[in-house]
Amino acid sequence: MMLNEPPRTRSRGSPRVFLTGPPLGWTHVSA
């Protein structure tokens, strides 16, 4: 769902997702 979301998502309240670095981080969090 947010797999294609831009880096701006980190400002939406999911900074921990970008702590991993690559999109692989926000993939398991959004999934």
Protein backbone atom coordinates (compact mmCIF):
# COMPACT_ATOMS: atom_id res chain seq x y z
CA MET A 1 0.00 0.00 0.00
CA MET A 2 2.76 2.38 0.99
CA LEU A 3 5.34 0.44 -0.94
CA ASN A 4 5.44 3.19 -3.54
CA GLU A 5 5.07 6.01 -1.05
CA PRO A 6 7.73 8.77 -1.21
CA PRO A 7 10.17 9.59 1.65
CA ARG A 8 7.64 12.13 2.88
CA THR A 9 5.90 9.27 4.66
CA ARG A 10 8.48 9.52 7.44
CA SER A 11 6.91 12.85 8.35
CA ARG A 12 3.46 11.27 8.55
CA GLY A 13 4.37 9.47 11.75
CA SER A 14 6.47 6.50 10.65
CA PRO A 15 10.10 7.55 11.14
CA ARG A 16 10.97 4.06 12.39
CA VAL A 17 10.18 2.82 8.90
CA PHE A 18 12.95 4.91 7.39
CA LEU A 19 15.41 4.04 10.14
CA THR A 20 16.09 0.89 8.18
CA GLY A 21 17.05 2.89 5.11
CA PRO A 22 15.89 0.96 2.01
CA PRO A 23 12.21 0.47 1.05
CA LEU A 24 12.54 -3.01 2.53
CA GLY A 25 12.04 -1.31 5.87
CA TRP A 26 8.69 0.31 5.22
CA THR A 27 7.53 -2.78 3.35
CA HIS A 28 7.14 -4.98 6.42
CA VAL A 29 5.72 -2.12 8.45
CA SER A 30 3.03 -1.23 5.93
CA ALA A 31 2.32 -4.84 5.06
